[in-house]
Amino acid sequence: MSHSAADTEGLVRHLIESLVDSPETVRITAIDGGDTLRFEVELDSEDVGKVIGRGGRIIKAIRTLARAAGSSQGRHVEVDIVG
C-alpha cells in the first residue's frame, strides 16, 4: 500500500474509531484497484448505526473526507461498511 493510501486509511480509521464504543473491533481492509482505492470496514454490529448515522449523514461525511484525501493523490476512494 502506498504512502497516500496508508494516510487515507489512517484518516478513515481515526474517524470511525472515534465514533464507536468498541474501537478495538474495527477492521479496515484496503483493496487497491489502480485508480480506485476501496476500504471495507468491519465493526461490531452495535456500532454500525453510530457510523452510518441518521439518514446516512455520518457515513456520507466520512466518504466525502476520504474522497478528498484520495483526490489530492489522483485516486478515487470508496468506503463501505461490510458488517
PDB file of N, CA and C in Angstrom:
ATOM      1  N   MET A   1       0.851  -1.175   0.000  1.00  0.00           N
ATOM      2  CA  MET A   1       0.000   0.000   0.000  1.00  0.00           C
ATOM      3  C   MET A   1       0.893   1.233   0.000  1.00  0.00           C
ATOM      4  N   SER A   2       0.565   2.193  -0.842  1.00  0.00           N
ATOM      5  CA  SER A   2       1.379   3.399  -0.954  1.00  0.00           C
ATOM      6  C   SER A   2       1.207   4.293   0.267  1.00  0.00           C
ATOM      7  N   HIS A   3       2.081   5.267   0.363  1.00  0.00           N
ATOM      8  CA  HIS A   3       2.049   6.197   1.490  1.00  0.00           C
ATOM      9  C   HIS A   3       0.711   6.928   1.561  1.00  0.00           C
ATOM     10  N   SER A   4       0.210   7.408   0.423  1.00  0.00           N
ATOM     11  CA  SER A   4      -1.054   8.148   0.422  1.00  0.00           C
ATOM     12  C   SER A   4      -2.224   7.248   0.804  1.00  0.00           C
ATOM     13  N   ALA A   5      -2.189   5.978   0.392  1.00  0.00           N
ATOM     14  CA  ALA A   5      -3.245   5.039   0.754  1.00  0.00           C
ATOM     15  C   ALA A   5      -3.220   4.786   2.257  1.00  0.00           C
ATOM     16  N   ALA A   6      -2.032   4.682   2.824  1.00  0.00           N
ATOM     17  CA  ALA A   6      -1.910   4.483   4.263  1.00  0.00           C
ATOM     18  C   ALA A   6      -2.429   5.701   5.017  1.00  0.00           C
ATOM     19  N   ASP A   7      -2.141   6.890   4.515  1.00  0.00           N
ATOM     20  CA  ASP A   7      -2.632   8.116   5.139  1.00  0.00           C
ATOM     21  C   ASP A   7      -4.156   8.168   5.101  1.00  0.00           C
ATOM     22  N   THR A   8      -4.728   7.808   3.959  1.00  0.00           N
ATOM     23  CA  THR A   8      -6.177   7.827   3.812  1.00  0.00           C
ATOM     24  C   THR A   8      -6.806   6.780   4.719  1.00  0.00           C
ATOM     25  N   GLU A   9      -6.198   5.600   4.794  1.00  0.00           N
ATOM     26  CA  GLU A   9      -6.714   4.570   5.703  1.00  0.00           C
ATOM     27  C   GLU A   9      -6.637   5.042   7.152  1.00  0.00           C
ATOM     28  N   GLY A  10      -5.561   5.708   7.515  1.00  0.00           N
ATOM     29  CA  GLY A  10      -5.425   6.250   8.860  1.00  0.00           C
ATOM     30  C   GLY A  10      -6.513   7.256   9.179  1.00  0.00           C
ATOM     31  N   LEU A  11      -6.850   8.089   8.201  1.00  0.00           N
ATOM     32  CA  LEU A  11      -7.927   9.060   8.379  1.00  0.00           C
ATOM     33  C   LEU A  11      -9.254   8.340   8.609  1.00  0.00           C
ATOM     34  N   VAL A  12      -9.571   7.370   7.754  1.00  0.00           N
ATOM     35  CA  VAL A  12     -10.823   6.624   7.882  1.00  0.00           C
ATOM     36  C   VAL A  12     -10.866   5.906   9.229  1.00  0.00           C
ATOM     37  N   ARG A  13      -9.761   5.271   9.602  1.00  0.00           N
ATOM     38  CA  ARG A  13      -9.694   4.560  10.887  1.00  0.00           C
ATOM     39  C   ARG A  13      -9.924   5.516  12.054  1.00  0.00           C
ATOM     40  N   HIS A  14      -9.275   6.647  12.035  1.00  0.00           N
ATOM     41  CA  HIS A  14      -9.422   7.620  13.124  1.00  0.00           C
ATOM     42  C   HIS A  14     -10.875   8.088  13.244  1.00  0.00           C
ATOM     43  N   LEU A  15     -11.479   8.427  12.117  1.00  0.00           N
ATOM     44  CA  LEU A  15     -12.852   8.907  12.144  1.00  0.00           C
ATOM     45  C   LEU A  15     -13.805   7.848  12.700  1.00  0.00           C
ATOM     46  N   ILE A  16     -13.659   6.621  12.233  1.00  0.00           N
ATOM     47  CA  ILE A  16     -14.578   5.563  12.659  1.00  0.00           C
ATOM     48  C   ILE A  16     -14.326   5.161  14.109  1.00  0.00           C
ATOM     49  N   GLU A  17     -13.074   4.994  14.482  1.00  0.00           N
ATOM     50  CA  GLU A  17     -12.780   4.585  15.860  1.00  0.00           C
ATOM     51  C   GLU A  17     -13.214   5.627  16.876  1.00  0.00           C
ATOM     52  N   SER A  18     -13.239   6.893  16.484  1.00  0.00           N
ATOM     53  CA  SER A  18     -13.668   7.931  17.418  1.00  0.00           C
ATOM     54  C   SER A  18     -15.183   7.943  17.614  1.00  0.00           C
ATOM     55  N   LEU A  19     -15.916   7.266  16.732  1.00  0.00           N
ATOM     56  CA  LEU A  19     -17.376   7.233  16.811  1.00  0.00           C
ATOM     57  C   LEU A  19     -17.936   6.035  17.574  1.00  0.00           C
ATOM     58  N   VAL A  20     -17.207   4.941  17.594  1.00  0.00           N
ATOM     59  CA  VAL A  20     -17.755   3.684  18.096  1.00  0.00           C
ATOM     60  C   VAL A  20     -17.419   3.443  19.568  1.00  0.00           C
ATOM     61  N   ASP A  21     -18.195   2.542  20.181  1.00  0.00           N
ATOM     62  CA  ASP A  21     -17.947   2.159  21.571  1.00  0.00           C
ATOM     63  C   ASP A  21     -16.850   1.099  21.686  1.00  0.00           C
ATOM     64  N   SER A  22     -16.647   0.318  20.626  1.00  0.00           N
ATOM     65  CA  SER A  22     -15.656  -0.767  20.638  1.00  0.00           C
ATOM     66  C   SER A  22     -14.634  -0.567  19.513  1.00  0.00           C
ATOM     67  N   PRO A  23     -13.739   0.426  19.660  1.00  0.00           N
ATOM     68  CA  PRO A  23     -12.776   0.695  18.579  1.00  0.00           C
ATOM     69  C   PRO A  23     -11.833  -0.475  18.303  1.00  0.00           C
ATOM     70  N   GLU A  24     -11.632  -1.345  19.295  1.00  0.00           N
ATOM     71  CA  GLU A  24     -10.728  -2.477  19.091  1.00  0.00           C
ATOM     72  C   GLU A  24     -11.291  -3.511  18.116  1.00  0.00           C
ATOM     73  N   THR A  25     -12.589  -3.442  17.829  1.00  0.00           N
ATOM     74  CA  THR A  25     -13.196  -4.404  16.892  1.00  0.00           C
ATOM     75  C   THR A  25     -13.193  -3.907  15.449  1.00  0.00           C
ATOM     76  N   VAL A  26     -12.783  -2.667  15.227  1.00  0.00           N
ATOM     77  CA  VAL A  26     -12.792  -2.098  13.877  1.00  0.00           C
ATOM     78  C   VAL A  26     -11.683  -2.736  13.042  1.00  0.00           C
ATOM     79  N   ARG A  27     -12.069  -3.275  11.890  1.00  0.00           N
ATOM     80  CA  ARG A  27     -11.113  -3.832  10.939  1.00  0.00           C
ATOM     81  C   ARG A  27     -11.335  -3.153   9.595  1.00  0.00           C
ATOM     82  N   ILE A  28     -10.263  -2.664   9.016  1.00  0.00           N
ATOM     83  CA  ILE A  28     -10.361  -1.997   7.717  1.00  0.00           C
ATOM     84  C   ILE A  28      -9.473  -2.750   6.736  1.00  0.00           C
ATOM     85  N   THR A  29     -10.080  -3.176   5.637  1.00  0.00           N
ATOM     86  CA  THR A  29      -9.348  -3.858   4.580  1.00  0.00           C
ATOM     87  C   THR A  29      -9.256  -2.916   3.384  1.00  0.00           C
ATOM     88  N   ALA A  30      -8.050  -2.640   2.948  1.00  0.00           N
ATOM     89  CA  ALA A  30      -7.834  -1.771   1.787  1.00  0.00           C
ATOM     90  C   ALA A  30      -7.679  -2.635   0.545  1.00  0.00           C
ATOM     91  N   ILE A  31      -8.465  -2.319  -0.482  1.00  0.00           N
ATOM     92  CA  ILE A  31      -8.386  -3.025  -1.753  1.00  0.00           C
ATOM     93  C   ILE A  31      -7.952  -2.010  -2.803  1.00  0.00           C
ATOM     94  N   ASP A  32      -6.743  -2.206  -3.304  1.00  0.00           N
ATOM     95  CA  ASP A  32      -6.163  -1.263  -4.253  1.00  0.00           C
ATOM     96  C   ASP A  32      -6.473  -1.731  -5.670  1.00  0.00           C
ATOM     97  N   GLY A  33      -7.282  -0.940  -6.369  1.00  0.00           N
ATOM     98  CA  GLY A  33      -7.647  -1.284  -7.736  1.00  0.00           C
ATOM     99  C   GLY A  33      -7.104  -0.311  -8.749  1.00  0.00           C
ATOM    100  N   GLY A  34      -5.877   0.135  -8.569  1.00  0.00           N
ATOM    101  CA  GLY A  34      -5.274   1.086  -9.506  1.00  0.00           C
ATOM    102  C   GLY A  34      -5.720   2.502  -9.210  1.00  0.00           C
ATOM    103  N   ASP A  35      -6.675   3.007 -10.007  1.00  0.00           N
ATOM    104  CA  ASP A  35      -7.175   4.369  -9.790  1.00  0.00           C
ATOM    105  C   ASP A  35      -8.158   4.445  -8.638  1.00  0.00           C
ATOM    106  N   THR A  36      -8.685   3.289  -8.211  1.00  0.00           N
ATOM    107  CA  THR A  36      -9.679   3.260  -7.138  1.00  0.00           C
ATOM    108  C   THR A  36      -9.108   2.544  -5.928  1.00  0.00           C
ATOM    109  N   LEU A  37      -9.305   3.142  -4.773  1.00  0.00           N
ATOM    110  CA  LEU A  37      -8.905   2.561  -3.501  1.00  0.00           C
ATOM    111  C   LEU A  37     -10.178   2.352  -2.695  1.00  0.00           C
ATOM    112  N   ARG A  38     -10.448   1.100  -2.329  1.00  0.00           N
ATOM    113  CA  ARG A  38     -11.688   0.780  -1.624  1.00  0.00           C
ATOM    114  C   ARG A  38     -11.356   0.297  -0.218  1.00  0.00           C
ATOM    115  N   PHE A  39     -12.052   0.853   0.763  1.00  0.00           N
ATOM    116  CA  PHE A  39     -11.888   0.428   2.143  1.00  0.00           C
ATOM    117  C   PHE A  39     -13.158  -0.281   2.585  1.00  0.00           C
ATOM    118  N   GLU A  40     -13.002  -1.542   3.012  1.00  0.00           N
ATOM    119  CA  GLU A  40     -14.118  -2.288   3.570  1.00  0.00           C
ATOM    120  C   GLU A  40     -13.964  -2.251   5.085  1.00  0.00           C
ATOM    121  N   VAL A  41     -14.983  -1.733   5.761  1.00  0.00           N
ATOM    122  CA  VAL A  41     -14.925  -1.545   7.204  1.00  0.00           C
ATOM    123  C   VAL A  41     -15.821  -2.570   7.881  1.00  0.00           C
ATOM    124  N   GLU A  42     -15.220  -3.357   8.772  1.00  0.00           N
ATOM    125  CA  GLU A  42     -15.973  -4.299   9.599  1.00  0.00           C
ATOM    126  C   GLU A  42     -15.936  -3.786  11.025  1.00  0.00           C
ATOM    127  N   LEU A  43     -17.098  -3.806  11.691  1.00  0.00           N
ATOM    128  CA  LEU A  43     -17.151  -3.374  13.070  1.00  0.00           C
ATOM    129  C   LEU A  43     -18.261  -4.094  13.803  1.00  0.00           C
ATOM    130  N   ASP A  44     -18.278  -3.931  15.102  1.00  0.00           N
ATOM    131  CA  ASP A  44     -19.281  -4.562  15.950  1.00  0.00           C
ATOM    132  C   ASP A  44     -20.677  -4.146  15.486  1.00  0.00           C
ATOM    133  N   SER A  45     -21.603  -5.087  15.464  1.00  0.00           N
ATOM    134  CA  SER A  45     -22.951  -4.806  14.952  1.00  0.00           C
ATOM    135  C   SER A  45     -23.653  -3.701  15.724  1.00  0.00           C
ATOM    136  N   GLU A  46     -23.312  -3.544  17.000  1.00  0.00           N
ATOM    137  CA  GLU A  46     -23.935  -2.482  17.797  1.00  0.00           C
ATOM    138  C   GLU A  46     -23.394  -1.100  17.435  1.00  0.00           C
ATOM    139  N   ASP A  47     -22.263  -1.046  16.754  1.00  0.00           N
ATOM    140  CA  ASP A  47     -21.654   0.228  16.386  1.00  0.00           C
ATOM    141  C   ASP A  47     -21.999   0.683  14.965  1.00  0.00           C
ATOM    142  N   VAL A  48     -22.608  -0.187  14.181  1.00  0.00           N
ATOM    143  CA  VAL A  48     -22.899   0.144  12.782  1.00  0.00           C
ATOM    144  C   VAL A  48     -23.761   1.397  12.678  1.00  0.00           C
ATOM    145  N   GLY A  49     -24.797   1.496  13.493  1.00  0.00           N
ATOM    146  CA  GLY A  49     -25.690   2.656  13.455  1.00  0.00           C
ATOM    147  C   GLY A  49     -24.979   3.960  13.777  1.00  0.00           C
ATOM    148  N   LYS A  50     -23.996   3.898  14.666  1.00  0.00           N
ATOM    149  CA  LYS A  50     -23.237   5.105  15.030  1.00  0.00           C
ATOM    150  C   LYS A  50     -22.406   5.607  13.851  1.00  0.00           C
ATOM    151  N   VAL A  51     -21.898   4.684  13.042  1.00  0.00           N
ATOM    152  CA  VAL A  51     -21.067   5.064  11.906  1.00  0.00           C
ATOM    153  C   VAL A  51     -21.932   5.521  10.726  1.00  0.00           C
ATOM    154  N   ILE A  52     -23.077   4.900  10.550  1.00  0.00           N
ATOM    155  CA  ILE A  52     -23.958   5.286   9.447  1.00  0.00           C
ATOM    156  C   ILE A  52     -24.661   6.607   9.765  1.00  0.00           C
ATOM    157  N   GLY A  53     -25.172   6.737  10.970  1.00  0.00           N
ATOM    158  CA  GLY A  53     -25.837   7.977  11.384  1.00  0.00           C
ATOM    159  C   GLY A  53     -27.252   8.088  10.838  1.00  0.00           C
ATOM    160  N   ARG A  54     -27.967   9.049  11.369  1.00  0.00           N
ATOM    161  CA  ARG A  54     -29.345   9.275  10.953  1.00  0.00           C
ATOM    162  C   ARG A  54     -29.384   9.668   9.475  1.00  0.00           C
ATOM    163  N   GLY A  55     -30.104   8.876   8.705  1.00  0.00           N
ATOM    164  CA  GLY A  55     -30.216   9.151   7.280  1.00  0.00           C
ATOM    165  C   GLY A  55     -28.914   8.979   6.512  1.00  0.00           C
ATOM    166  N   GLY A  56     -27.929   8.314   7.122  1.00  0.00           N
ATOM    167  CA  GLY A  56     -26.652   8.088   6.443  1.00  0.00           C
ATOM    168  C   GLY A  56     -25.730   9.296   6.437  1.00  0.00           C
ATOM    169  N   ARG A  57     -26.008  10.282   7.253  1.00  0.00           N
ATOM    170  CA  ARG A  57     -25.214  11.521   7.228  1.00  0.00           C
ATOM    171  C   ARG A  57     -23.762  11.318   7.620  1.00  0.00           C
ATOM    172  N   ILE A  58     -23.516  10.511   8.640  1.00  0.00           N
ATOM    173  CA  ILE A  58     -22.144  10.357   9.123  1.00  0.00           C
ATOM    174  C   ILE A  58     -21.288   9.601   8.105  1.00  0.00           C
ATOM    175  N   ILE A  59     -21.804   8.490   7.574  1.00  0.00           N
ATOM    176  CA  ILE A  59     -21.007   7.742   6.588  1.00  0.00           C
ATOM    177  C   ILE A  59     -20.797   8.576   5.328  1.00  0.00           C
ATOM    178  N   LYS A  60     -21.758   9.398   4.965  1.00  0.00           N
ATOM    179  CA  LYS A  60     -21.574  10.275   3.802  1.00  0.00           C
ATOM    180  C   LYS A  60     -20.451  11.265   4.058  1.00  0.00           C
ATOM    181  N   ALA A  61     -20.381  11.797   5.271  1.00  0.00           N
ATOM    182  CA  ALA A  61     -19.321  12.743   5.616  1.00  0.00           C
ATOM    183  C   ALA A  61     -17.955  12.053   5.611  1.00  0.00           C
ATOM    184  N   ILE A  62     -17.895  10.826   6.150  1.00  0.00           N
ATOM    185  CA  ILE A  62     -16.643  10.064   6.141  1.00  0.00           C
ATOM    186  C   ILE A  62     -16.196   9.806   4.706  1.00  0.00           C
ATOM    187  N   ARG A  63     -17.145   9.427   3.845  1.00  0.00           N
ATOM    188  CA  ARG A  63     -16.815   9.173   2.437  1.00  0.00           C
ATOM    189  C   ARG A  63     -16.319  10.439   1.750  1.00  0.00           C
ATOM    190  N   THR A  64     -16.946  11.572   2.060  1.00  0.00           N
ATOM    191  CA  THR A  64     -16.526  12.844   1.462  1.00  0.00           C
ATOM    192  C   THR A  64     -15.093  13.184   1.857  1.00  0.00           C
ATOM    193  N   LEU A  65     -14.764  13.027   3.139  1.00  0.00           N
ATOM    194  CA  LEU A  65     -13.404  13.312   3.604  1.00  0.00           C
ATOM    195  C   LEU A  65     -12.396  12.346   2.983  1.00  0.00           C
ATOM    196  N   ALA A  66     -12.753  11.066   2.897  1.00  0.00           N
ATOM    197  CA  ALA A  66     -11.849  10.075   2.311  1.00  0.00           C
ATOM    198  C   ALA A  66     -11.623  10.359   0.826  1.00  0.00           C
ATOM    199  N   ARG A  67     -12.686  10.734   0.121  1.00  0.00           N
ATOM    200  CA  ARG A  67     -12.544  11.062  -1.307  1.00  0.00           C
ATOM    201  C   ARG A  67     -11.665  12.286  -1.497  1.00  0.00           C
ATOM    202  N   ALA A  68     -11.827  13.284  -0.626  1.00  0.00           N
ATOM    203  CA  ALA A  68     -10.996  14.485  -0.724  1.00  0.00           C
ATOM    204  C   ALA A  68      -9.529  14.139  -0.484  1.00  0.00           C
ATOM    205  N   ALA A  69      -9.269  13.287   0.491  1.00  0.00           N
ATOM    206  CA  ALA A  69      -7.886  12.872   0.764  1.00  0.00           C
ATOM    207  C   ALA A  69      -7.314  12.101  -0.422  1.00  0.00           C
ATOM    208  N   GLY A  70      -8.112  11.245  -1.030  1.00  0.00           N
ATOM    209  CA  GLY A  70      -7.650  10.461  -2.173  1.00  0.00           C
ATOM    210  C   GLY A  70      -7.491  11.286  -3.430  1.00  0.00           C
ATOM    211  N   SER A  71      -8.362  12.273  -3.613  1.00  0.00           N
ATOM    212  CA  SER A  71      -8.307  13.072  -4.844  1.00  0.00           C
ATOM    213  C   SER A  71      -7.042  13.910  -4.915  1.00  0.00           C
ATOM    214  N   SER A  72      -6.478  14.259  -3.776  1.00  0.00           N
ATOM    215  CA  SER A  72      -5.226  15.014  -3.799  1.00  0.00           C
ATOM    216  C   SER A  72      -4.091  14.164  -4.370  1.00  0.00           C
ATOM    217  N   GLN A  73      -4.294  12.835  -4.385  1.00  0.00           N
ATOM    218  CA  GLN A  73      -3.319  11.909  -4.960  1.00  0.00           C
ATOM    219  C   GLN A  73      -3.793  11.355  -6.299  1.00  0.00           C
ATOM    220  N   GLY A  74      -4.914  11.882  -6.813  1.00  0.00           N
ATOM    221  CA  GLY A  74      -5.434  11.439  -8.096  1.00  0.00           C
ATOM    222  C   GLY A  74      -6.131  10.090  -8.047  1.00  0.00           C
ATOM    223  N   ARG A  75      -6.685   9.732  -6.878  1.00  0.00           N
ATOM    224  CA  ARG A  75      -7.325   8.424  -6.710  1.00  0.00           C
ATOM    225  C   ARG A  75      -8.778   8.598  -6.276  1.00  0.00           C
ATOM    226  N   HIS A  76      -9.605   7.685  -6.729  1.00  0.00           N
ATOM    227  CA  HIS A  76     -10.992   7.632  -6.276  1.00  0.00           C
ATOM    228  C   HIS A  76     -11.043   6.716  -5.061  1.00  0.00           C
ATOM    229  N   VAL A  77     -11.704   7.153  -3.999  1.00  0.00           N
ATOM    230  CA  VAL A  77     -11.762   6.375  -2.769  1.00  0.00           C
ATOM    231  C   VAL A  77     -13.202   6.031  -2.442  1.00  0.00           C
ATOM    232  N   GLU A  78     -13.429   4.761  -2.085  1.00  0.00           N
ATOM    233  CA  GLU A  78     -14.742   4.292  -1.657  1.00  0.00           C
ATOM    234  C   GLU A  78     -14.601   3.739  -0.249  1.00  0.00           C
ATOM    235  N   VAL A  79     -15.633   3.970   0.574  1.00  0.00           N
ATOM    236  CA  VAL A  79     -15.669   3.417   1.927  1.00  0.00           C
ATOM    237  C   VAL A  79     -16.985   2.672   2.071  1.00  0.00           C
ATOM    238  N   ASP A  80     -16.890   1.365   2.382  1.00  0.00           N
ATOM    239  CA  ASP A  80     -18.081   0.537   2.526  1.00  0.00           C
ATOM    240  C   ASP A  80     -18.096  -0.136   3.885  1.00  0.00           C
ATOM    241  N   ILE A  81     -19.275  -0.165   4.513  1.00  0.00           N
ATOM    242  CA  ILE A  81     -19.474  -0.903   5.756  1.00  0.00           C
ATOM    243  C   ILE A  81     -19.917  -2.305   5.351  1.00  0.00           C
ATOM    244  N   VAL A  82     -19.157  -3.313   5.753  1.00  0.00           N
ATOM    245  CA  VAL A  82     -19.478  -4.677   5.345  1.00  0.00           C
ATOM    246  C   VAL A  82     -19.976  -5.543   6.505  1.00  0.00           C
ATOM    247  N   GLY A  83     -20.031  -5.009   7.678  1.00  0.00           N
ATOM    248  CA  GLY A  83     -20.559  -5.818   8.775  1.00  0.00           C
ATOM    249  C   GLY A  83     -20.093  -5.341  10.102  1.00  0.00           C
TER     250      GLY A  83
END
